[in-house]
C-alpha atoms as a PDB file:
ATOM      1  CA  MET A   1      28.740  -1.656 -35.054  1.00  0.00           C
ATOM      2  CA  LYS A   2      30.177   0.680 -37.700  1.00  0.00           C
ATOM      3  CA  LYS A   3      31.106  -2.313 -39.878  1.00  0.00           C
ATOM      4  CA  LEU A   4      27.549  -3.608 -39.698  1.00  0.00           C
ATOM      5  CA  ILE A   5      26.096  -0.238 -40.714  1.00  0.00           C
ATOM      6  CA  VAL A   6      28.551   0.070 -43.622  1.00  0.00           C
ATOM      7  CA  ALA A   7      27.707  -3.467 -44.764  1.00  0.00           C
ATOM      8  CA  LEU A   8      23.958  -2.745 -44.634  1.00  0.00           C
ATOM      9  CA  VAL A   9      24.371   0.515 -46.580  1.00  0.00           C
ATOM     10  CA  LEU A  10      26.447  -1.236 -49.263  1.00  0.00           C
ATOM     11  CA  PHE A  11      23.933  -4.088 -49.464  1.00  0.00           C
ATOM     12  CA  ALA A  12      20.989  -1.675 -49.769  1.00  0.00           C
ATOM     13  CA  GLY A  13      22.933   0.345 -52.335  1.00  0.00           C
ATOM     14  CA  THR A  14      23.293  -2.640 -54.626  1.00  0.00           C
ATOM     15  CA  PHE A  15      19.508  -3.069 -54.629  1.00  0.00           C
ATOM     16  CA  ALA A  16      18.900   0.650 -55.113  1.00  0.00           C
ATOM     17  CA  ASN A  17      20.997   0.788 -58.308  1.00  0.00           C
ATOM     18  CA  ALA A  18      19.721  -2.428 -59.870  1.00  0.00           C
ATOM     19  CA  GLN A  19      16.799  -2.603 -62.236  1.00  0.00           C
ATOM     20  CA  GLN A  20      13.657  -4.102 -60.749  1.00  0.00           C
ATOM     21  CA  GLU A  21      10.211  -4.911 -62.096  1.00  0.00           C
ATOM     22  CA  VAL A  22       6.765  -5.478 -60.636  1.00  0.00           C
ATOM     23  CA  LYS A  23       4.186  -7.156 -62.862  1.00  0.00           C
ATOM     24  CA  ILE A  24       0.677  -8.567 -62.910  1.00  0.00           C
ATOM     25  CA  ASP A  25      -0.473 -11.368 -65.211  1.00  0.00           C
ATOM     26  CA  ILE A  26      -3.410  -9.820 -67.053  1.00  0.00           C
ATOM     27  CA  ALA A  27      -4.282 -12.976 -69.019  1.00  0.00           C
ATOM     28  CA  ASP A  28      -4.824 -14.953 -65.816  1.00  0.00           C
ATOM     29  CA  GLY A  29      -7.011 -12.193 -64.455  1.00  0.00           C
ATOM     30  CA  ILE A  30      -9.117 -11.806 -67.581  1.00  0.00           C
ATOM     31  CA  ILE A  31      -9.427 -15.420 -68.794  1.00  0.00           C
ATOM     32  CA  LEU A  32      -9.285 -17.239 -65.457  1.00  0.00           C
ATOM     33  CA  LYS A  33     -10.222 -16.055 -61.993  1.00  0.00           C
ATOM     34  CA  THR A  34      -6.628 -15.990 -60.803  1.00  0.00           C
ATOM     35  CA  LEU A  35      -4.219 -13.358 -59.615  1.00  0.00           C
ATOM     36  CA  GLU A  36      -0.513 -13.671 -60.355  1.00  0.00           C
ATOM     37  CA  LEU A  37       1.916 -11.014 -59.155  1.00  0.00           C
ATOM     38  CA  SER A  38       5.644 -11.018 -59.939  1.00  0.00           C
ATOM     39  CA  TYR A  39       8.774  -9.236 -58.799  1.00  0.00           C
ATOM     40  CA  GLU A  40      12.000  -9.435 -60.818  1.00  0.00           C
ATOM     41  CA  TYR A  41      15.469  -8.231 -59.815  1.00  0.00           C
ATOM     42  CA  TYR A  42      18.275  -7.917 -62.366  1.00  0.00           C
ATOM     43  CA  ILE A  43      21.627  -9.260 -61.188  1.00  0.00           C
ATOM     44  CA  SER A  44      23.296  -8.298 -64.501  1.00  0.00           C
ATOM     45  CA  ASP A  45      22.309  -7.024 -67.952  1.00  0.00           C
ATOM     46  CA  GLN A  46      21.483 -10.578 -69.058  1.00  0.00           C
ATOM     47  CA  SER A  47      20.364 -12.318 -65.844  1.00  0.00           C
ATOM     48  CA  SER A  48      17.614 -11.850 -63.300  1.00  0.00           C
ATOM     49  CA  VAL A  49      15.942 -13.607 -60.405  1.00  0.00           C
ATOM     50  CA  GLY A  50      12.318 -13.264 -59.466  1.00  0.00           C
ATOM     51  CA  LEU A  51       9.343 -14.534 -57.555  1.00  0.00           C
ATOM     52  CA  SER A  52       5.767 -15.026 -58.766  1.00  0.00           C
ATOM     53  CA  ALA A  53       2.769 -15.683 -56.540  1.00  0.00           C
ATOM     54  CA  LEU A  54      -0.390 -17.177 -58.066  1.00  0.00           C
ATOM     55  CA  PHE A  55      -3.733 -17.345 -56.268  1.00  0.00           C
ATOM     56  CA  ASN A  56      -6.618 -19.232 -57.888  1.00  0.00           C
ATOM     57  CA  PHE A  57     -10.140 -17.962 -57.136  1.00  0.00           C
ATOM     58  CA  GLU A  58     -11.929 -20.131 -59.719  1.00  0.00           C
ATOM     59  CA  LYS A  59     -14.303 -22.775 -58.323  1.00  0.00           C
ATOM     60  CA  GLU A  60     -13.145 -26.373 -58.643  1.00  0.00           C
ATOM     61  CA  SER A  61     -16.352 -27.174 -60.537  1.00  0.00           C
ATOM     62  CA  ALA A  62     -15.369 -24.769 -63.369  1.00  0.00           C
ATOM     63  CA  ASP A  63     -14.830 -26.227 -66.840  1.00  0.00           C
ATOM     64  CA  PHE A  64     -11.333 -24.770 -67.106  1.00  0.00           C
ATOM     65  CA  ARG A  65      -9.027 -23.759 -64.268  1.00  0.00           C
ATOM     66  CA  TYR A  66      -5.500 -24.214 -63.009  1.00  0.00           C
ATOM     67  CA  ASN A  67      -5.150 -27.343 -60.875  1.00  0.00           C
ATOM     68  CA  GLU A  68      -3.156 -25.380 -58.318  1.00  0.00           C
ATOM     69  CA  ASP A  69      -4.940 -23.243 -55.721  1.00  0.00           C
ATOM     70  CA  GLN A  70      -1.728 -21.373 -54.867  1.00  0.00           C
ATOM     71  CA  MET A  71       1.736 -21.443 -56.380  1.00  0.00           C
ATOM     72  CA  PHE A  72       4.879 -19.588 -55.386  1.00  0.00           C
ATOM     73  CA  THR A  73       7.480 -19.636 -58.112  1.00  0.00           C
ATOM     74  CA  PRO A  74      11.061 -18.474 -57.609  1.00  0.00           C
ATOM     75  CA  TYR A  75      12.836 -18.281 -60.965  1.00  0.00           C
ATOM     76  CA  PHE A  76      16.115 -17.462 -62.720  1.00  0.00           C
ATOM     77  CA  ARG A  77      16.062 -15.891 -66.188  1.00  0.00           C
ATOM     78  CA  HIS A  78      18.827 -15.547 -68.733  1.00  0.00           C
ATOM     79  CA  TYR A  79      18.265 -12.991 -71.499  1.00  0.00           C
ATOM     80  CA  PHE A  80      19.653 -13.929 -74.899  1.00  0.00           C
ATOM     81  CA  THR A  81      20.064 -10.409 -76.244  1.00  0.00           C
ATOM     82  CA  SER A  82      21.078  -7.153 -74.632  1.00  0.00           C
ATOM     83  CA  ASN A  83      18.562  -5.011 -76.525  1.00  0.00           C
ATOM     84  CA  ARG A  84      17.148  -2.403 -74.160  1.00  0.00           C
ATOM     85  CA  ASN A  85      13.578  -2.643 -75.476  1.00  0.00           C
ATOM     86  CA  TRP A  86      12.984  -6.196 -76.843  1.00  0.00           C
ATOM     87  CA  ASN A  87      14.487  -9.247 -75.217  1.00  0.00           C
ATOM     88  CA  HIS A  88      14.000 -13.018 -75.285  1.00  0.00           C
ATOM     89  CA  PHE A  89      14.706 -15.222 -72.300  1.00  0.00           C
ATOM     90  CA  GLY A  90      14.965 -18.744 -70.996  1.00  0.00           C
ATOM     91  CA  GLU A  91      13.897 -19.524 -67.457  1.00  0.00           C
ATOM     92  CA  ILE A  92      14.452 -22.194 -64.825  1.00  0.00           C
ATOM     93  CA  PHE A  93      11.838 -22.232 -62.080  1.00  0.00           C
ATOM     94  CA  LEU A  94      10.768 -23.992 -58.923  1.00  0.00           C
ATOM     95  CA  GLY A  95       7.043 -24.121 -58.283  1.00  0.00           C
ATOM     96  CA  ILE A  96       5.849 -24.633 -54.720  1.00  0.00           C
ATOM     97  CA  ASN A  97       2.192 -25.431 -55.312  1.00  0.00           C
ATOM     98  CA  SER A  98      -0.853 -26.647 -53.430  1.00  0.00           C
ATOM     99  CA  GLY A  99      -4.335 -27.710 -54.387  1.00  0.00           C
ATOM    100  CA  THR A 100      -6.834 -30.551 -54.278  1.00  0.00           C
ATOM    101  CA  LYS A 101      -6.804 -33.749 -56.328  1.00  0.00           C
ATOM    102  CA  ASP A 102      -9.440 -36.472 -55.905  1.00  0.00           C
ATOM    103  CA  SER A 103     -10.752 -34.723 -52.751  1.00  0.00           C
ATOM    104  CA  ARG A 104      -7.280 -34.847 -51.186  1.00  0.00           C
ATOM    105  CA  GLU A 105      -5.275 -31.711 -50.475  1.00  0.00           C
ATOM    106  CA  TYR A 106      -1.632 -31.674 -51.528  1.00  0.00           C
ATOM    107  CA  THR A 107       1.458 -29.503 -51.404  1.00  0.00           C
ATOM    108  CA  ASP A 108       4.308 -30.273 -53.781  1.00  0.00           C
ATOM    109  CA  GLY A 109       7.344 -28.767 -55.451  1.00  0.00           C
ATOM    110  CA  ALA A 110       7.993 -28.686 -59.178  1.00  0.00           C
ATOM    111  CA  ILE A 111      11.056 -27.932 -61.239  1.00  0.00           C
ATOM    112  CA  GLY A 112      10.640 -26.666 -64.767  1.00  0.00           C
ATOM    113  CA  ILE A 113      11.692 -24.534 -67.704  1.00  0.00           C
ATOM    114  CA  ALA A 114      10.049 -21.708 -69.613  1.00  0.00           C
ATOM    115  CA  ALA A 115      10.803 -19.344 -72.477  1.00  0.00           C
ATOM    116  CA  GLY A 116       9.434 -15.952 -73.326  1.00  0.00           C
ATOM    117  CA  SER A 117       9.835 -12.462 -74.676  1.00  0.00           C
ATOM    118  CA  LYS A 118       9.593  -9.039 -73.086  1.00  0.00           C
ATOM    119  CA  TYR A 119       9.213  -5.451 -74.259  1.00  0.00           C
ATOM    120  CA  VAL A 120      10.320  -2.579 -72.022  1.00  0.00           C
ATOM    121  CA  SER A 121       9.452   0.967 -73.069  1.00  0.00           C
ATOM    122  CA  ASN A 122      11.816   3.859 -72.401  1.00  0.00           C
ATOM    123  CA  GLY A 123       9.354   5.057 -69.740  1.00  0.00           C
ATOM    124  CA  GLY A 124       9.450   1.755 -67.842  1.00  0.00           C
ATOM    125  CA  LEU A 125       6.285   0.001 -69.071  1.00  0.00           C
ATOM    126  CA  VAL A 126       6.884  -3.767 -69.272  1.00  0.00           C
ATOM    127  CA  VAL A 127       4.865  -6.175 -71.432  1.00  0.00           C
ATOM    128  CA  GLY A 128       5.907  -9.810 -71.613  1.00  0.00           C
ATOM    129  CA  ALA A 129       4.721 -13.308 -72.399  1.00  0.00           C
ATOM    130  CA  TYR A 130       6.101 -16.703 -71.476  1.00  0.00           C
ATOM    131  CA  VAL A 131       5.214 -20.378 -71.612  1.00  0.00           C
ATOM    132  CA  GLY A 132       6.723 -23.300 -69.755  1.00  0.00           C
ATOM    133  CA  ILE A 133       6.170 -26.590 -68.025  1.00  0.00           C
ATOM    134  CA  GLY A 134       7.297 -28.175 -64.803  1.00  0.00           C
ATOM    135  CA  ARG A 135       7.103 -31.541 -63.096  1.00  0.00           C
ATOM    136  CA  ASN A 136       5.999 -32.092 -59.495  1.00  0.00           C
ATOM    137  CA  MET A 137       8.619 -34.133 -57.675  1.00  0.00           C
ATOM    138  CA  PHE A 138       7.651 -35.111 -54.139  1.00  0.00           C
ATOM    139  CA  THR A 139       4.211 -36.710 -53.853  1.00  0.00           C
ATOM    140  CA  SER A 140       1.875 -38.810 -55.952  1.00  0.00           C
ATOM    141  CA  ASP A 141      -1.099 -36.938 -54.467  1.00  0.00           C
ATOM    142  CA  SER A 142      -0.465 -33.954 -56.767  1.00  0.00           C
ATOM    143  CA  TYR A 143      -0.822 -33.508 -60.507  1.00  0.00           C
ATOM    144  CA  ALA A 144       2.336 -34.534 -62.375  1.00  0.00           C
ATOM    145  CA  VAL A 145       2.536 -31.493 -64.675  1.00  0.00           C
ATOM    146  CA  VAL A 146       2.592 -27.837 -63.622  1.00  0.00           C
ATOM    147  CA  PRO A 147       2.010 -25.212 -66.347  1.00  0.00           C
ATOM    148  CA  ARG A 148       3.748 -21.828 -66.373  1.00  0.00           C
ATOM    149  CA  VAL A 149       1.951 -19.501 -68.778  1.00  0.00           C
ATOM    150  CA  GLY A 150       1.480 -15.774 -68.610  1.00  0.00           C
ATOM    151  CA  VAL A 151       1.034 -12.403 -70.249  1.00  0.00           C
ATOM    152  CA  ASN A 152       2.376  -9.745 -67.902  1.00  0.00           C
ATOM    153  CA  VAL A 153       2.091  -5.978 -67.692  1.00  0.00           C
ATOM    154  CA  GLY A 154       4.163  -4.026 -65.219  1.00  0.00           C
ATOM    155  CA  TYR A 155       6.707  -1.349 -64.479  1.00  0.00           C
ATOM    156  CA  ARG A 156      10.527  -1.307 -64.398  1.00  0.00           C
ATOM    157  CA  PHE A 157      12.299   0.962 -61.948  1.00  0.00           C
ATOM    158  CA  ASN A 158      15.786   1.440 -60.508  1.00  0.00           C
END
């Protein structure tokens, strides 16, 4: 039992000391009726893993909307510089998405890449932008291409 408690404390301690970010995609909220929330965890100074969740509230009859009704996107980012404030990154992502195409509901998984840039203030404010594209892999009922575009605002904490 003592070994389990020590292991849990050490595991929790690694998360407590690592940098973490929570963000909201303001462009999706302002331009489209969608909500995208993200959480990012730094595994080193130049690498992070994260998860984004997108929920689309726009009607299907709208002139412009994401094809996906929901999308959960785990991602891995590599940062090309180690500048504390400005940093550029490349990203590999998986997009588990669902929606409706030709009156048929679908759920599919996409793999894709993205690139972006991020500014982090000394107080923890995070502002970033990225653009990418993915390809759905498992069903012909879904759209072939999955976009990954965002302008995020959030907060970095330890």
